[in-house]
Every structure is written in C-alpha cells, then in structure tokens.
Amino acid sequence: MGFLFFMLYVGLEVAYGGYLYTFVVQNCVLHFTPANGAFITSVYWGMFAFGRFVAIPLSVRFSPTILTVLDFVGVFVAATIILVGIHNPGAMWFASGLLGISMASVFPSGMNLIEEWIDVTGRYVVPGASLSLL
C-alpha cells in the first residue's frame, strides 16, 4: 500500500509540474504567453519548496495523520478549482500555488505515517539469515 501511495503521489507531483507549462500555453482557452507559462510553473515549484520549509515546524506540532489529511484536503480543493475554473487564468494561478503548497509535505508526512505501522530502516535483513553474518 505504501508503494502504491508514493508511486501515485510522486507521479502526480512530477506530472503536474511537467505538464503545467504546456497546458497553460497551448490550451485553446487560456493562451498564456510562454513567459507566463514559465512563471506559473515557477509558482508551483516555488510554493512546493515553501511548503516543504513550512512543514518542518508543522510536523513537530501536528501528527502525520493530521498533516496528511490537511494535504489531501488542499490537493482536493486545488483540483476542484482547476476543474471548475479551467477558463479562468486567475483560478489557474491560485490553484497551482495551492497545489504546490498542499503536495509539499505529502511525502514526508506519508513516510512518518508508514513509520507508525512498520519499522522503516535503511537496512535489509535477508529472511532466515543469522544476524552474526551481517
């Protein structure tokens, strides 16, 4: 389940960041200039970086479950704004920033959430192997 969660999350994060420029510049309704397309992509990645920075003190104050739920609410609201306001450039600007800041702490919060159920280490122990061999 954790693998599927992270696979879908990282896929969404990278796909949106990579496709955003093409969508807003070549969309028959929005027609952003190439400079504005690059800027809105920078807003997404900038808010993503800012969200990672803000998530550090928030992770001390809130549990991983609460942070993950808040992230998903933000992602859902941003996706709804994009779907409803697809013809509104202002909606795309706002939703892209909201999506970036909402998706920022999904990975670290998800790792902390998984660590509540299983012991996550950087070491792999072969099943049945003696610990003295390691």
Protein backbone atom coordinates (compact mmCIF):
# COMPACT_ATOMS: atom_id res chain seq x y z
CA MET A 1 0.00 0.00 0.00
CA GLY A 2 2.83 2.38 0.83
CA PHE A 3 4.48 1.73 -2.53
CA LEU A 4 1.25 2.48 -4.42
CA PHE A 5 0.67 5.58 -2.32
CA PHE A 6 4.12 7.01 -3.07
CA MET A 7 4.05 5.93 -6.71
CA LEU A 8 0.78 7.78 -7.31
CA TYR A 9 1.86 10.81 -5.29
CA VAL A 10 5.23 11.27 -6.99
CA GLY A 11 3.60 10.65 -10.37
CA LEU A 12 1.07 13.40 -9.70
CA GLU A 13 3.70 15.80 -8.39
CA VAL A 14 6.04 15.41 -11.36
CA ALA A 15 3.31 15.13 -13.99
CA TYR A 16 1.62 18.36 -12.92
CA GLY A 17 4.91 20.23 -12.70
CA GLY A 18 5.99 18.97 -16.11
CA TYR A 19 2.68 19.36 -17.91
CA LEU A 20 1.61 22.72 -16.46
CA TYR A 21 3.64 24.85 -18.88
CA THR A 22 2.38 23.00 -21.95
CA PHE A 23 -1.21 23.10 -20.73
CA VAL A 24 -1.43 26.83 -19.99
CA VAL A 25 0.50 27.90 -23.10
CA GLN A 26 -1.17 25.61 -25.66
CA ASN A 27 -4.66 25.48 -24.15
CA CYS A 28 -7.17 26.90 -26.63
CA VAL A 29 -8.88 28.93 -23.87
CA LEU A 30 -6.13 30.20 -21.58
CA HIS A 31 -3.41 31.14 -24.12
CA PHE A 32 -0.74 32.09 -21.58
CA THR A 33 2.39 33.58 -23.08
CA PRO A 34 5.50 31.39 -22.83
CA ALA A 35 6.86 33.76 -20.16
CA ASN A 36 3.66 33.44 -18.09
CA GLY A 37 3.71 29.68 -18.60
CA ALA A 38 7.22 29.54 -17.18
CA PHE A 39 6.24 31.84 -14.33
CA ILE A 40 3.18 29.81 -13.30
CA THR A 41 5.35 26.68 -13.33
CA SER A 42 7.82 28.54 -11.11
CA VAL A 43 4.97 29.49 -8.79
CA TYR A 44 4.02 25.81 -8.46
CA TRP A 45 7.58 24.67 -7.71
CA GLY A 46 8.27 27.71 -5.51
CA MET A 47 5.19 27.06 -3.39
CA PHE A 48 6.20 23.41 -3.28
CA ALA A 49 9.60 24.38 -1.83
CA PHE A 50 7.99 26.85 0.57
CA GLY A 51 5.54 24.16 1.69
CA ARG A 52 8.41 21.78 2.48
CA PHE A 53 10.02 24.51 4.58
CA VAL A 54 6.78 25.28 6.45
CA ALA A 55 6.09 21.58 7.01
CA ILE A 56 9.13 21.24 9.28
CA PRO A 57 7.71 23.18 12.24
CA LEU A 58 4.20 21.88 11.50
CA SER A 59 5.41 18.27 11.76
CA VAL A 60 6.54 18.95 15.33
CA ARG A 61 3.16 20.35 16.29
CA PHE A 62 0.77 18.01 14.42
CA SER A 63 0.62 14.26 13.90
CA PRO A 64 1.42 12.74 10.49
CA THR A 65 -2.21 11.71 10.13
CA ILE A 66 -3.47 15.27 10.56
CA LEU A 67 -0.85 16.68 8.17
CA THR A 68 -1.66 14.06 5.54
CA VAL A 69 -5.39 14.75 5.79
CA LEU A 70 -4.78 18.51 5.53
CA ASP A 71 -2.56 17.93 2.49
CA PHE A 72 -5.24 15.85 0.79
CA VAL A 73 -7.90 18.46 1.53
CA GLY A 74 -5.67 21.12 -0.05
CA VAL A 75 -4.99 18.94 -3.09
CA PHE A 76 -8.72 18.23 -3.48
CA VAL A 77 -9.61 21.93 -3.24
CA ALA A 78 -6.90 22.88 -5.75
CA ALA A 79 -8.01 20.16 -8.18
CA THR A 80 -11.62 21.31 -7.86
CA ILE A 81 -10.63 24.92 -8.56
CA ILE A 82 -8.70 23.79 -11.65
CA LEU A 83 -11.65 21.77 -12.93
CA VAL A 84 -14.26 24.45 -12.24
CA GLY A 85 -12.14 27.45 -13.22
CA ILE A 86 -10.45 25.93 -16.25
CA HIS A 87 -11.31 29.03 -18.32
CA ASN A 88 -10.14 31.50 -15.68
CA PRO A 89 -6.41 32.34 -15.67
CA GLY A 90 -6.62 33.65 -12.09
CA ALA A 91 -8.01 30.32 -10.94
CA MET A 92 -5.07 28.53 -12.57
CA TRP A 93 -2.57 30.79 -10.81
CA PHE A 94 -4.19 30.34 -7.40
CA ALA A 95 -4.81 26.60 -7.79
CA SER A 96 -1.26 25.93 -8.97
CA GLY A 97 0.18 27.65 -5.91
CA LEU A 98 -2.28 25.88 -3.61
CA LEU A 99 -1.50 22.54 -5.21
CA GLY A 100 2.24 23.11 -4.78
CA ILE A 101 1.99 24.01 -1.10
CA SER A 102 -0.50 21.19 -0.42
CA MET A 103 1.58 18.50 -2.10
CA ALA A 104 4.81 19.60 -0.45
CA SER A 105 4.52 17.66 2.79
CA VAL A 106 2.72 14.58 1.46
CA PHE A 107 5.96 12.61 1.06
CA PRO A 108 7.48 13.34 4.49
CA SER A 109 4.11 13.00 6.24
CA GLY A 110 3.47 9.75 4.40
CA MET A 111 6.85 8.38 5.49
CA ASN A 112 6.10 9.30 9.10
CA LEU A 113 2.66 7.76 8.81
CA ILE A 114 4.10 4.50 7.48
CA GLU A 115 6.70 4.51 10.26
CA GLU A 116 3.87 4.35 12.78
CA TRP A 117 2.97 0.88 11.47
CA ILE A 118 6.28 -0.60 10.36
CA ASP A 119 9.91 -0.10 11.28
CA VAL A 120 11.47 1.82 8.38
CA THR A 121 15.25 1.48 8.26
CA GLY A 122 17.89 1.69 5.58
CA ARG A 123 18.98 -1.87 6.29
CA TYR A 124 17.67 -5.04 4.69
CA VAL A 125 17.93 -8.32 6.53
CA VAL A 126 17.64 -11.48 4.47
CA PRO A 127 14.85 -13.64 5.91
CA GLY A 128 16.32 -16.63 7.71
CA ALA A 129 19.85 -15.19 7.79
CA SER A 130 21.78 -15.14 11.00
CA LEU A 131 22.42 -11.69 12.42
CA SER A 132 26.01 -12.70 13.15
CA LEU A 133 26.69 -12.85 9.40
CA LEU A 134 25.67 -9.24 8.97
